[in-house]
Amino acid sequence: MSDKISITFSNGRITEYDKGVTLLEISRDAAHRYTTPVVAAKVNNEIRDLQNELDQASEVDFLDLRSDAGMKVYQRSVTLLMIVAAQEIFPGCEVTVEHSLSKGLYCELHHGRDITPEDVERLATHMRQIVLEDRPIIRKTLARTEAIEMFEAAGQQEKVSLLKQLDREKVSIYYCGQVYDYFYGTMTPSTGYLKVFDLRYYPPGIILRLPEKENPDKVPQFVENPKLFKVFQEAAQWGNILRCGYVATLNECAANDEIKDIIRVAEALHEKKIAQIADFIASHRNEVRVILVAGPSSSGKTTFAQRLNIQLRVNGVWPVPVSLDDYFVNRDKTPLDEQGDYDFEAIEAIDLELFNSHLARILAGEEVELPTFNFKTGEREYRGHRIKVNKGQPLIIEGIHGLNERLTSSVPRHCKIKIYISALTQLSIDNHNRIPTTDARLIRRIVRDSEFRSHDALMTLKMWPSVRRGEERNIFPFQEEADLMFNSALIYELAVLKKYAEPLLKKVTGEYPEYSEARRLLNFLEYFSPVEDNEIPHNSILREFIGKSCFEKN
């Protein structure tokens, strides 16, 4: 029997190695092909940390900091670095990783008093010292019962509850010095990889600032997001109202039938917030002529706009919808993206001149014939759809560019209300493992694309990077321009989406590069106990993705 195995690299090159070779050893041979450090690998399209040993022929594709998956490994590892440093200089403290904010992670440090700028500086200095020491980050596979005992002894009850619910015999624990932790995902081999980060005092917590894959050598310029931070704080308050901050608590509610109350209160919080937004708009009815609803993919814009419409009518305001999709330029004038594909998410894909001309005429009291875009032919058509509004009737426009002033440049700013909507989940896996809003939206989209667009999960996963690039260019830079923000996340939704998403993701097989992402999402959904959807009201934002919405067009 041969003691050698063949490793096939992504460039087609095949090299023989001794059985039992680690990915770290192989990565050193391949490092010259990468401009940034290699932090993990795909082995037969499954993501592995570099400590893994190979004992059979495999296809290997290394992940550096210019890849999405590689940057996630880096960010996760810096989070562990911060937790280790905090426990070493503030013994007995608890770090909670709350949510993304300002190109970083907003975290809180709990050690019996408010943190100070000096605390943050001490923490950053110690983190940099640990990086210089290049401490190993060691993965150990333990029996689940043993891991439970360890975290029980350490008083980390949320991890104990989570691990007790997992249907796994073994779990992976990462050690760095004397500190150990359970993380959802892989880590770098040592702290020496983690040179680029910054800490910013942001009372009552800290922002752990991280590089981005487009420029992994430095932390981006800090941009204040006070409005978004306020919405995240509101999300935390909603989690407290529901008494459900972690997945394990949600699962316990699902097991003892308390989930019905969770669903009702979560939906009531949404309804109350939408009503408050409608009340605010109604109180400015003499000035507001245009209501713009914008947000990233799968944020629930369509259902939100419909429910806002109803609440405005309760206030005696009767808005008139205008579809931005009908103002696409003809296909031959659609801009192209970096790959040479049609970029339908660029603002230049909208006929801004025609759209603003129609807005100005409508708001001046004229009757205007609106176009209808024929998506089959790729051209605008006129089918006799005319509208005329009176002064008390605002237009309501939903679309990704609503926050960009270029979209409605013909309308004075004081005559517009801009609303930003996104799914900012209130739930975390545990105190160190947050649930990225991007993951929640991706799972929503996978389910919706299958239910309503005849797209399988593979197609959605292929398109998602392009969707994300469009959001980074066209939505997120403008989010602080919003007058109002609405959080469309429902604390129970991933437990419901689980039964829809899992069979779709399982169809993504190992020969596709997207397999690693499908596996990651499946592993993530394993944390949730399934919840049936029969208690979900038909006007819920979640119905936009799973079906049976009262707003669906027949």
Protein backbone atom coordinates (compact mmCIF):
# COMPACT_ATOMS: atom_id res chain seq x y z
CA MET A 1 0.00 0.00 0.00
CA SER A 2 1.36 3.41 -1.03
CA ASP A 3 2.34 5.92 1.65
CA LYS A 4 1.69 8.77 -0.80
CA ILE A 5 -1.51 10.60 -1.73
CA SER A 6 -2.23 12.85 -4.73
CA ILE A 7 -3.38 16.41 -4.07
CA THR A 8 -5.06 18.23 -6.95
CA PHE A 9 -4.94 22.02 -6.64
CA SER A 10 -7.44 24.50 -8.07
CA ASN A 11 -5.06 25.36 -10.93
CA GLY A 12 -5.04 21.70 -12.03
CA ARG A 13 -1.58 20.93 -10.70
CA ILE A 14 -1.20 17.51 -9.01
CA THR A 15 1.41 16.90 -6.31
CA GLU A 16 2.13 13.86 -4.16
CA TYR A 17 2.44 14.13 -0.37
CA ASP A 18 2.92 11.69 2.48
CA LYS A 19 -0.26 10.38 4.05
CA GLY A 20 -1.15 12.34 7.15
CA VAL A 21 0.21 15.61 5.76
CA THR A 22 -1.53 18.65 7.24
CA LEU A 23 -3.17 21.33 5.17
CA LEU A 24 -0.84 23.80 6.91
CA GLU A 25 2.20 21.98 5.49
CA ILE A 26 0.69 21.91 2.01
CA SER A 27 -0.32 25.59 2.26
CA ARG A 28 3.33 26.59 2.71
CA ASP A 29 4.12 25.11 -0.70
CA ALA A 30 1.20 27.03 -2.24
CA ALA A 31 1.67 30.34 -0.39
CA HIS A 32 3.59 31.98 -3.26
CA ARG A 33 0.42 31.87 -5.38
CA TYR A 34 -1.49 34.10 -2.94
CA THR A 35 -1.06 37.79 -2.16
CA THR A 36 -2.48 37.49 1.38
CA PRO A 37 -2.11 34.79 4.07
CA VAL A 38 -3.83 31.44 3.50
CA VAL A 39 -6.11 30.87 6.52
CA ALA A 40 -8.17 27.77 5.61
CA ALA A 41 -8.85 25.37 2.74
CA LYS A 42 -11.62 23.75 0.78
CA VAL A 43 -11.06 19.98 0.63
CA ASN A 44 -13.37 18.43 -1.94
CA ASN A 45 -15.43 21.62 -1.60
CA GLU A 46 -15.75 21.37 2.19
CA ILE A 47 -14.09 24.06 4.34
CA ARG A 48 -11.41 22.74 6.71
CA ASP A 49 -9.00 24.46 9.05
CA LEU A 50 -5.31 24.06 8.32
CA GLN A 51 -4.78 21.65 11.20
CA ASN A 52 -6.61 18.91 9.27
CA GLU A 53 -4.58 15.92 8.12
CA LEU A 54 -5.20 14.29 4.73
CA ASP A 55 -4.94 10.55 4.27
CA GLN A 56 -6.50 10.12 0.85
CA ALA A 57 -6.39 11.77 -2.58
CA SER A 58 -8.20 15.11 -2.45
CA GLU A 59 -8.93 18.29 -4.36
CA VAL A 60 -7.64 21.27 -2.38
CA ASP A 61 -8.37 24.96 -2.87
CA PHE A 62 -6.79 27.29 -0.34
CA LEU A 63 -8.65 30.28 1.08
CA ASP A 64 -6.83 33.53 1.64
CA LEU A 65 -8.09 36.87 2.91
CA ARG A 66 -9.39 37.92 -0.50
CA SER A 67 -12.08 35.23 -0.38
CA ASP A 68 -15.39 35.57 1.47
CA ALA A 69 -14.86 32.31 3.35
CA GLY A 70 -11.25 33.19 4.22
CA MET A 71 -12.24 36.58 5.59
CA LYS A 72 -14.92 34.94 7.75
CA VAL A 73 -12.24 32.66 9.23
CA TYR A 74 -10.07 35.73 9.93
CA GLN A 75 -12.87 37.71 11.55
CA ARG A 76 -13.91 34.77 13.70
CA SER A 77 -10.30 34.26 14.83
CA VAL A 78 -9.84 37.93 15.78
CA THR A 79 -13.01 37.61 17.85
CA LEU A 80 -11.43 34.69 19.73
CA LEU A 81 -8.27 36.79 20.15
CA MET A 82 -10.30 39.57 21.79
CA ILE A 83 -12.06 37.10 24.11
CA VAL A 84 -8.73 35.56 25.15
CA ALA A 85 -7.16 38.96 25.83
CA ALA A 86 -10.19 40.14 27.80
CA GLN A 87 -10.18 37.07 30.03
CA GLU A 88 -6.46 37.45 30.70
CA ILE A 89 -6.50 41.13 31.71
CA PHE A 90 -10.04 41.23 33.21
CA PRO A 91 -10.36 37.84 34.96
CA GLY A 92 -13.95 36.69 35.27
CA CYS A 93 -15.28 39.14 32.69
CA GLU A 94 -17.85 38.17 30.06
CA VAL A 95 -17.60 39.31 26.45
CA THR A 96 -20.75 39.35 24.35
CA VAL A 97 -20.56 39.69 20.57
CA GLU A 98 -23.70 41.62 19.71
CA HIS A 99 -23.94 42.56 16.02
CA SER A 100 -22.18 44.09 13.03
CA LEU A 101 -21.66 47.86 13.00
CA SER A 102 -19.49 50.33 11.07
CA LYS A 103 -17.44 47.69 9.21
CA GLY A 104 -16.84 45.76 12.42
CA LEU A 105 -18.47 43.96 15.34
CA TYR A 106 -20.11 45.75 18.23
CA CYS A 107 -19.25 43.90 21.46
CA GLU A 108 -19.79 44.49 25.15
CA LEU A 109 -17.45 43.74 28.04
CA HIS A 110 -19.15 42.90 31.34
CA HIS A 111 -16.93 43.01 34.43
CA GLY A 112 -18.86 44.79 37.13
CA ARG A 113 -18.47 48.37 35.93
CA ASP A 114 -18.72 50.53 32.83
CA ILE A 115 -15.76 50.20 30.51
CA THR A 116 -13.50 53.19 29.90
CA PRO A 117 -11.32 54.29 26.96
CA GLU A 118 -8.34 53.15 29.04
CA ASP A 119 -9.87 49.63 29.29
CA VAL A 120 -10.20 49.51 25.53
CA GLU A 121 -6.58 50.62 25.04
CA ARG A 122 -5.33 47.97 27.50
CA LEU A 123 -7.35 45.32 25.70
CA ALA A 124 -6.03 46.34 22.25
CA THR A 125 -2.44 46.39 23.55
CA HIS A 126 -2.77 42.90 25.02
CA MET A 127 -4.35 41.59 21.80
CA ARG A 128 -1.35 42.87 19.84
CA GLN A 129 1.01 41.23 22.34
CA ILE A 130 -0.73 37.88 21.82
CA VAL A 131 -0.36 38.33 18.05
CA LEU A 132 3.39 38.91 18.48
CA GLU A 133 3.62 35.74 20.57
CA ASP A 134 2.04 33.82 17.66
CA ARG A 135 0.21 31.53 20.04
CA PRO A 136 -1.19 28.33 18.51
CA ILE A 137 -4.97 28.13 18.13
CA ILE A 138 -5.57 24.43 18.67
CA ARG A 139 -8.70 22.54 17.72
CA LYS A 140 -9.61 19.58 19.90
CA THR A 141 -12.46 17.20 19.19
CA LEU A 142 -14.24 16.25 22.40
CA ALA A 143 -17.20 14.13 23.33
CA ARG A 144 -20.20 16.44 23.56
CA THR A 145 -20.78 15.36 27.18
CA GLU A 146 -17.20 16.31 28.07
CA ALA A 147 -17.59 19.75 26.47
CA ILE A 148 -20.83 20.28 28.40
CA GLU A 149 -19.06 19.51 31.67
CA MET A 150 -16.27 21.97 30.82
CA PHE A 151 -18.61 24.86 30.05
CA GLU A 152 -20.79 24.01 33.04
CA ALA A 153 -17.74 24.30 35.30
CA ALA A 154 -16.89 27.64 33.65
CA GLY A 155 -20.42 28.95 34.28
CA GLN A 156 -21.21 29.42 30.57
CA GLN A 157 -24.79 28.25 30.79
CA GLU A 158 -25.87 29.43 27.32
CA LYS A 159 -23.23 27.15 25.75
CA VAL A 160 -24.28 24.29 28.03
CA SER A 161 -27.91 24.63 26.95
CA LEU A 162 -26.93 24.79 23.28
CA LEU A 163 -24.63 21.77 23.38
CA LYS A 164 -27.24 19.71 25.24
CA GLN A 165 -29.65 20.30 22.37
CA LEU A 166 -27.19 19.41 19.58
CA ASP A 167 -27.65 16.03 17.96
CA ARG A 168 -23.90 15.31 17.75
CA GLU A 169 -21.66 12.89 19.62
CA LYS A 170 -18.55 15.09 19.26
CA VAL A 171 -17.87 18.82 19.04
CA SER A 172 -14.80 20.89 18.22
CA ILE A 173 -13.37 23.23 20.87
CA TYR A 174 -10.66 25.80 20.12
CA TYR A 175 -7.91 26.50 22.65
CA CYS A 176 -5.64 29.55 22.79
CA GLY A 177 -3.37 29.49 25.81
CA GLN A 178 -5.51 28.67 28.84
CA VAL A 179 -8.72 29.92 27.23
CA TYR A 180 -11.05 27.61 25.33
CA ASP A 181 -14.26 28.30 23.45
CA TYR A 182 -16.85 26.79 21.15
CA PHE A 183 -17.17 28.55 17.81
CA TYR A 184 -19.40 28.00 14.83
CA GLY A 185 -16.73 27.70 12.13
CA THR A 186 -13.00 27.26 11.61
CA MET A 187 -10.03 29.29 12.92
CA THR A 188 -6.56 30.31 11.77
CA PRO A 189 -3.70 28.05 12.99
CA SER A 190 -2.23 30.70 15.30
CA THR A 191 -2.59 34.29 16.48
CA GLY A 192 0.32 35.46 14.31
CA TYR A 193 -2.07 35.60 11.35
CA LEU A 194 -4.19 38.27 13.06
CA LYS A 195 -2.17 41.44 12.56
CA VAL A 196 -4.86 43.73 11.13
CA PHE A 197 -7.61 44.93 13.51
CA ASP A 198 -8.52 47.88 15.69
CA LEU A 199 -10.63 48.48 18.79
CA ARG A 200 -12.79 51.57 19.14
CA TYR A 201 -14.46 52.71 22.34
CA TYR A 202 -18.17 52.98 21.53
CA PRO A 203 -20.13 53.32 24.78
CA PRO A 204 -21.53 51.29 26.30
CA GLY A 205 -19.33 48.83 24.37
CA ILE A 206 -16.52 48.35 21.87
CA ILE A 207 -16.37 48.07 18.09
CA LEU A 208 -13.91 45.39 16.99
CA ARG A 209 -12.88 46.84 13.65
CA LEU A 210 -11.84 44.41 10.95
CA PRO A 211 -10.41 44.52 7.42
CA GLU A 212 -12.44 43.66 4.32
CA LYS A 213 -11.49 41.22 1.58
CA GLU A 214 -11.15 44.03 -0.97
CA ASN A 215 -8.33 45.56 1.10
CA PRO A 216 -7.25 43.03 3.75
CA ASP A 217 -4.07 44.89 4.70
CA LYS A 218 -5.78 47.68 6.63
CA VAL A 219 -8.88 48.51 8.63
CA PRO A 220 -11.27 50.73 6.62
CA GLN A 221 -11.98 54.29 7.61
CA PHE A 222 -14.48 54.51 10.45
CA VAL A 223 -17.97 55.61 9.42
CA GLU A 224 -20.46 56.46 12.13
CA ASN A 225 -23.82 54.62 11.90
CA PRO A 226 -25.87 56.11 14.78
CA LYS A 227 -29.28 55.40 13.23
CA LEU A 228 -28.42 51.78 12.52
CA PHE A 229 -27.00 51.38 16.04
CA LYS A 230 -30.28 52.65 17.46
CA VAL A 231 -32.20 50.01 15.49
CA PHE A 232 -29.88 47.29 16.79
CA GLN A 233 -30.51 48.55 20.33
CA GLU A 234 -34.22 48.33 19.65
CA ALA A 235 -33.71 44.76 18.39
CA ALA A 236 -32.03 43.91 21.69
CA GLN A 237 -34.99 45.41 23.56
CA TRP A 238 -37.34 43.24 21.49
CA GLY A 239 -35.25 40.20 22.42
CA ASN A 240 -35.59 41.15 26.09
CA ILE A 241 -39.35 41.61 25.74
CA LEU A 242 -39.57 38.14 24.23
CA ARG A 243 -37.13 36.78 26.87
CA CYS A 244 -35.36 34.99 24.07
CA GLY A 245 -31.83 36.14 23.27
CA TYR A 246 -30.22 32.79 22.38
CA VAL A 247 -31.12 29.89 20.12
CA ALA A 248 -31.24 27.42 23.03
CA THR A 249 -34.01 29.48 24.68
CA LEU A 250 -35.97 29.57 21.42
CA ASN A 251 -35.65 25.79 21.14
CA GLU A 252 -36.94 25.39 24.70
CA CYS A 253 -39.96 27.52 23.80
CA ALA A 254 -40.57 25.35 20.73
CA ALA A 255 -40.45 22.23 22.90
CA ASN A 256 -42.94 23.42 25.52
CA ASP A 257 -45.36 25.16 23.15
CA GLU A 258 -44.47 28.67 24.32
CA ILE A 259 -43.51 29.37 20.72
CA LYS A 260 -47.10 30.40 19.97
CA ASP A 261 -46.77 33.33 22.37
CA ILE A 262 -43.34 34.19 20.92
CA ILE A 263 -44.88 34.35 17.42
CA ARG A 264 -47.82 36.50 18.55
CA VAL A 265 -45.69 39.01 20.47
CA ALA A 266 -43.03 39.21 17.72
CA GLU A 267 -45.73 39.93 15.14
CA ALA A 268 -47.36 42.48 17.45
CA LEU A 269 -44.02 44.29 17.82
CA HIS A 270 -43.85 44.53 14.02
CA GLU A 271 -47.41 45.82 13.77
CA LYS A 272 -46.84 48.40 16.49
CA LYS A 273 -43.68 49.69 14.80
CA ILE A 274 -45.35 49.92 11.39
CA ALA A 275 -48.24 51.80 12.98
CA GLN A 276 -45.79 54.24 14.62
CA ILE A 277 -44.12 54.86 11.25
CA ALA A 278 -47.53 55.48 9.66
CA ASP A 279 -48.46 57.87 12.49
CA PHE A 280 -45.24 59.82 11.91
CA ILE A 281 -45.90 60.10 8.17
CA ALA A 282 -49.53 61.11 8.77
CA SER A 283 -48.40 63.85 11.16
CA HIS A 284 -46.37 65.30 8.26
CA ARG A 285 -49.02 64.77 5.60
CA ASN A 286 -48.96 68.39 4.47
CA GLU A 287 -45.31 68.15 3.40
CA VAL A 288 -44.77 64.50 2.49
CA ARG A 289 -45.45 63.74 -1.16
CA VAL A 290 -43.22 60.69 -1.68
CA ILE A 291 -42.58 57.70 0.63
CA LEU A 292 -39.50 55.68 -0.33
CA VAL A 293 -38.98 52.14 1.00
CA ALA A 294 -35.50 50.71 0.46
CA GLY A 295 -33.46 47.82 1.78
CA PRO A 296 -31.27 44.90 0.78
CA SER A 297 -32.44 41.66 -0.82
CA SER A 298 -34.98 39.60 1.14
CA SER A 299 -35.54 42.28 3.74
CA GLY A 300 -39.31 42.08 3.27
CA LYS A 301 -39.79 45.41 1.49
CA THR A 302 -42.90 44.33 -0.43
CA THR A 303 -44.90 43.15 2.59
CA PHE A 304 -43.73 46.09 4.67
CA ALA A 305 -44.93 48.53 1.99
CA GLN A 306 -48.33 46.80 1.86
CA ARG A 307 -48.74 46.87 5.63
CA LEU A 308 -47.61 50.50 5.79
CA ASN A 309 -50.20 51.32 3.14
CA ILE A 310 -52.93 49.85 5.35
CA GLN A 311 -51.75 51.70 8.46
CA LEU A 312 -51.63 54.95 6.50
CA ARG A 313 -55.25 54.43 5.46
CA VAL A 314 -56.13 54.01 9.13
CA ASN A 315 -54.77 57.56 9.47
CA GLY A 316 -56.82 58.78 6.52
CA VAL A 317 -53.83 58.87 4.15
CA TRP A 318 -54.32 56.98 0.87
CA PRO A 319 -50.93 56.47 -0.82
CA VAL A 320 -50.59 55.50 -4.47
CA PRO A 321 -47.94 52.89 -5.34
CA VAL A 322 -45.50 53.41 -8.20
CA SER A 323 -43.36 50.47 -9.33
CA LEU A 324 -39.71 51.28 -9.90
CA ASP A 325 -39.33 48.06 -11.93
CA ASP A 326 -41.39 49.62 -14.72
CA TYR A 327 -38.71 52.27 -15.23
CA PHE A 328 -35.88 49.95 -16.21
CA VAL A 329 -34.04 51.14 -19.29
CA ASN A 330 -34.47 48.94 -22.36
CA ARG A 331 -32.25 45.88 -22.23
CA ASP A 332 -29.76 47.15 -24.81
CA LYS A 333 -29.04 50.15 -22.56
CA THR A 334 -28.64 48.17 -19.32
CA PRO A 335 -25.19 48.69 -17.75
CA LEU A 336 -22.84 45.74 -17.38
CA ASP A 337 -21.02 44.60 -14.23
CA GLU A 338 -17.37 43.58 -13.82
CA GLN A 339 -18.10 40.14 -15.28
CA GLY A 340 -19.82 41.59 -18.35
CA ASP A 341 -23.30 40.55 -17.17
CA TYR A 342 -26.33 42.84 -17.02
CA ASP A 343 -26.23 44.85 -13.80
CA PHE A 344 -29.91 45.31 -13.02
CA GLU A 345 -29.07 46.61 -9.53
CA ALA A 346 -27.07 49.62 -10.73
CA ILE A 347 -29.00 52.87 -10.45
CA GLU A 348 -28.16 53.48 -14.12
CA ALA A 349 -30.43 50.51 -14.93
CA ILE A 350 -33.30 52.90 -14.10
CA ASP A 351 -34.34 55.58 -16.60
CA LEU A 352 -33.78 58.37 -14.09
CA GLU A 353 -34.70 61.16 -16.49
CA LEU A 354 -38.08 59.64 -17.39
CA PHE A 355 -38.82 58.61 -13.79
CA ASN A 356 -38.11 62.10 -12.42
CA SER A 357 -40.08 63.73 -15.21
CA HIS A 358 -43.10 61.57 -14.36
CA LEU A 359 -42.71 62.25 -10.63
CA ALA A 360 -42.65 66.00 -11.17
CA ARG A 361 -45.73 65.90 -13.42
CA ILE A 362 -47.69 63.60 -11.07
CA LEU A 363 -46.92 65.77 -8.04
CA ALA A 364 -47.94 68.85 -10.03
CA GLY A 365 -51.41 67.31 -10.38
CA GLU A 366 -51.15 66.04 -13.95
CA GLU A 367 -52.55 62.73 -15.13
CA VAL A 368 -49.60 60.62 -16.32
CA GLU A 369 -49.49 57.37 -18.26
CA LEU A 370 -47.01 55.06 -16.52
CA PRO A 371 -44.96 52.49 -18.41
CA THR A 372 -44.99 48.73 -17.86
CA PHE A 373 -41.71 46.91 -18.28
CA ASN A 374 -41.94 43.70 -20.31
CA PHE A 375 -39.33 41.41 -18.76
CA LYS A 376 -39.64 38.93 -21.63
CA THR A 377 -38.82 41.42 -24.37
CA GLY A 378 -36.63 43.65 -22.19
CA GLU A 379 -38.49 46.80 -23.26
CA ARG A 380 -40.90 49.32 -21.75
CA GLU A 381 -44.47 49.32 -23.02
CA TYR A 382 -47.44 51.65 -22.53
CA ARG A 383 -50.73 49.88 -21.82
CA GLY A 384 -52.96 52.75 -20.74
CA HIS A 385 -52.05 52.68 -17.04
CA ARG A 386 -52.72 56.28 -15.98
CA ILE A 387 -52.59 57.83 -12.53
CA LYS A 388 -53.52 61.17 -11.05
CA VAL A 389 -53.22 62.04 -7.38
CA ASN A 390 -54.52 64.84 -5.23
CA LYS A 391 -52.33 66.78 -2.84
CA GLY A 392 -53.20 64.58 0.13
CA GLN A 393 -52.11 61.40 -1.62
CA PRO A 394 -48.41 60.58 -1.35
CA LEU A 395 -46.67 58.22 -3.76
CA ILE A 396 -45.15 55.10 -2.21
CA ILE A 397 -42.12 53.74 -4.06
CA GLU A 398 -40.33 50.53 -3.10
CA GLY A 399 -36.89 49.65 -4.44
CA ILE A 400 -33.23 49.24 -3.58
CA HIS A 401 -32.29 52.80 -4.63
CA GLY A 402 -34.86 54.63 -2.52
CA LEU A 403 -32.25 56.16 -0.20
CA ASN A 404 -30.13 57.51 -3.05
CA GLU A 405 -31.04 61.14 -3.71
CA ARG A 406 -30.32 60.67 -7.42
CA LEU A 407 -33.40 58.46 -7.77
CA THR A 408 -35.84 61.25 -6.88
CA SER A 409 -33.79 64.37 -7.59
CA SER A 410 -36.86 66.20 -8.99
CA VAL A 411 -38.58 66.07 -5.57
CA PRO A 412 -37.42 68.46 -2.82
CA ARG A 413 -35.90 66.60 0.14
CA HIS A 414 -38.43 67.95 2.66
CA CYS A 415 -41.22 66.40 0.60
CA LYS A 416 -39.83 62.86 0.99
CA ILE A 417 -39.78 60.28 3.76
CA LYS A 418 -37.06 57.66 3.30
CA ILE A 419 -37.49 54.34 5.11
CA TYR A 420 -34.70 51.76 5.41
CA ILE A 421 -35.73 48.18 6.08
CA SER A 422 -33.45 45.26 6.90
CA ALA A 423 -33.58 41.99 8.83
CA LEU A 424 -31.43 42.70 11.91
CA THR A 425 -31.87 39.52 13.92
CA GLN A 426 -32.27 39.80 17.69
CA LEU A 427 -31.11 36.23 18.21
CA SER A 428 -27.59 34.83 18.76
CA ILE A 429 -26.33 31.25 18.80
CA ASP A 430 -24.60 32.05 22.09
CA ASN A 431 -22.73 34.98 23.64
CA HIS A 432 -19.76 34.65 21.24
CA ASN A 433 -21.52 33.42 18.09
CA ARG A 434 -23.86 35.96 16.58
CA ILE A 435 -26.21 35.28 13.67
CA PRO A 436 -25.16 37.48 10.73
CA THR A 437 -28.07 39.34 9.18
CA THR A 438 -26.68 38.31 5.79
CA ASP A 439 -27.17 34.61 6.63
CA ALA A 440 -30.77 35.20 7.72
CA ARG A 441 -31.52 37.06 4.48
CA LEU A 442 -29.79 34.41 2.35
CA ILE A 443 -31.92 31.65 3.89
CA ARG A 444 -35.03 33.76 3.30
CA ARG A 445 -34.03 34.20 -0.34
CA ILE A 446 -33.26 30.51 -0.90
CA VAL A 447 -36.76 29.63 0.31
CA ARG A 448 -38.49 32.43 -1.63
CA ASP A 449 -36.59 31.72 -4.87
CA SER A 450 -37.72 28.10 -4.69
CA GLU A 451 -41.32 28.92 -3.76
CA PHE A 452 -41.95 31.73 -6.24
CA ARG A 453 -39.16 31.96 -8.83
CA SER A 454 -38.44 28.32 -9.76
CA HIS A 455 -34.79 28.77 -8.71
CA ASP A 456 -33.06 25.98 -6.84
CA ALA A 457 -30.67 26.64 -3.95
CA LEU A 458 -27.65 26.20 -6.21
CA MET A 459 -28.79 29.03 -8.48
CA THR A 460 -29.49 31.31 -5.51
CA LEU A 461 -26.06 30.59 -4.00
CA LYS A 462 -24.40 31.30 -7.37
CA MET A 463 -26.18 34.66 -7.62
CA TRP A 464 -25.67 35.73 -4.01
CA PRO A 465 -22.13 37.19 -4.34
CA SER A 466 -23.38 39.46 -7.14
CA VAL A 467 -26.39 40.46 -5.05
CA ARG A 468 -24.09 41.30 -2.13
CA ARG A 469 -21.81 43.41 -4.34
CA GLY A 470 -24.86 45.34 -5.50
CA GLU A 471 -25.94 45.95 -1.91
CA GLU A 472 -22.50 47.20 -0.92
CA ARG A 473 -22.55 49.69 -3.80
CA ASN A 474 -26.18 50.75 -3.93
CA ILE A 475 -27.75 50.38 -0.49
CA PHE A 476 -25.44 50.27 2.52
CA PRO A 477 -23.58 53.54 1.74
CA PHE A 478 -26.92 55.38 1.92
CA GLN A 479 -28.55 53.72 4.95
CA GLU A 480 -27.87 56.66 7.29
CA GLU A 481 -29.79 58.88 4.83
CA ALA A 482 -33.00 57.21 6.02
CA ASP A 483 -35.50 59.20 8.05
CA LEU A 484 -36.91 56.03 9.60
CA MET A 485 -35.68 52.46 9.95
CA PHE A 486 -37.62 49.22 10.33
CA ASN A 487 -36.22 45.90 11.47
CA SER A 488 -38.04 43.13 9.59
CA ALA A 489 -36.41 40.20 11.44
CA LEU A 490 -38.66 37.88 13.41
CA ILE A 491 -36.99 36.14 16.30
CA TYR A 492 -38.61 32.79 15.48
CA GLU A 493 -38.19 32.83 11.69
CA LEU A 494 -35.11 30.62 11.26
CA ALA A 495 -36.84 27.82 13.17
CA VAL A 496 -39.68 28.04 10.64
CA LEU A 497 -37.47 28.46 7.56
CA LYS A 498 -35.44 25.38 8.60
CA LYS A 499 -37.91 22.83 7.20
CA TYR A 500 -38.11 24.73 3.89
CA ALA A 501 -34.41 25.43 3.47
CA GLU A 502 -32.83 22.13 4.53
CA PRO A 503 -34.14 19.94 1.69
CA LEU A 504 -33.18 22.64 -0.83
CA LEU A 505 -29.63 22.94 0.51
CA LYS A 506 -29.18 19.15 0.62
CA LYS A 507 -29.63 19.07 -3.17
CA VAL A 508 -26.40 21.04 -3.63
CA THR A 509 -23.88 18.26 -4.20
CA GLY A 510 -20.14 18.06 -3.73
CA GLU A 511 -19.06 18.71 -7.31
CA TYR A 512 -20.16 22.38 -7.09
CA PRO A 513 -18.03 25.12 -5.46
CA GLU A 514 -21.22 26.29 -3.69
CA TYR A 515 -21.33 22.99 -1.78
CA SER A 516 -19.19 24.45 1.03
CA GLU A 517 -21.66 27.29 1.54
CA ALA A 518 -24.62 24.90 1.43
CA ARG A 519 -22.94 22.72 4.07
CA ARG A 520 -22.20 25.77 6.24
CA LEU A 521 -25.85 26.82 6.17
CA LEU A 522 -27.02 23.27 6.89
CA ASN A 523 -24.69 23.08 9.88
CA PHE A 524 -26.03 26.43 11.05
CA LEU A 525 -29.66 25.30 10.77
CA GLU A 526 -28.87 22.24 12.90
CA TYR A 527 -28.89 24.53 15.94
CA PHE A 528 -32.62 25.19 15.53
CA SER A 529 -35.54 22.99 16.53
CA PRO A 530 -38.17 23.14 13.77
CA VAL A 531 -41.32 25.23 14.27
CA GLU A 532 -44.47 24.78 12.22
CA ASP A 533 -45.93 27.74 10.35
CA ASN A 534 -49.65 27.29 11.09
CA GLU A 535 -49.61 30.01 13.79
CA ILE A 536 -48.03 32.64 11.54
CA PRO A 537 -50.52 35.34 10.46
CA HIS A 538 -51.12 35.75 6.74
CA ASN A 539 -49.90 39.36 6.75
CA SER A 540 -46.56 38.40 8.35
CA ILE A 541 -43.39 39.49 6.57
CA LEU A 542 -42.32 35.84 6.77
CA ARG A 543 -45.23 34.92 4.49
CA GLU A 544 -43.46 36.81 1.69
CA PHE A 545 -40.93 33.96 1.70
CA ILE A 546 -42.88 30.82 2.66
CA GLY A 547 -46.16 31.63 0.91
CA LYS A 548 -49.87 32.05 1.78
CA SER A 549 -49.52 35.80 2.23
CA CYS A 550 -52.75 37.76 2.07
CA PHE A 551 -50.88 40.21 -0.19
CA GLU A 552 -50.06 37.63 -2.88
CA LYS A 553 -51.45 38.47 -6.30
CA ASN A 554 -53.65 35.76 -7.76
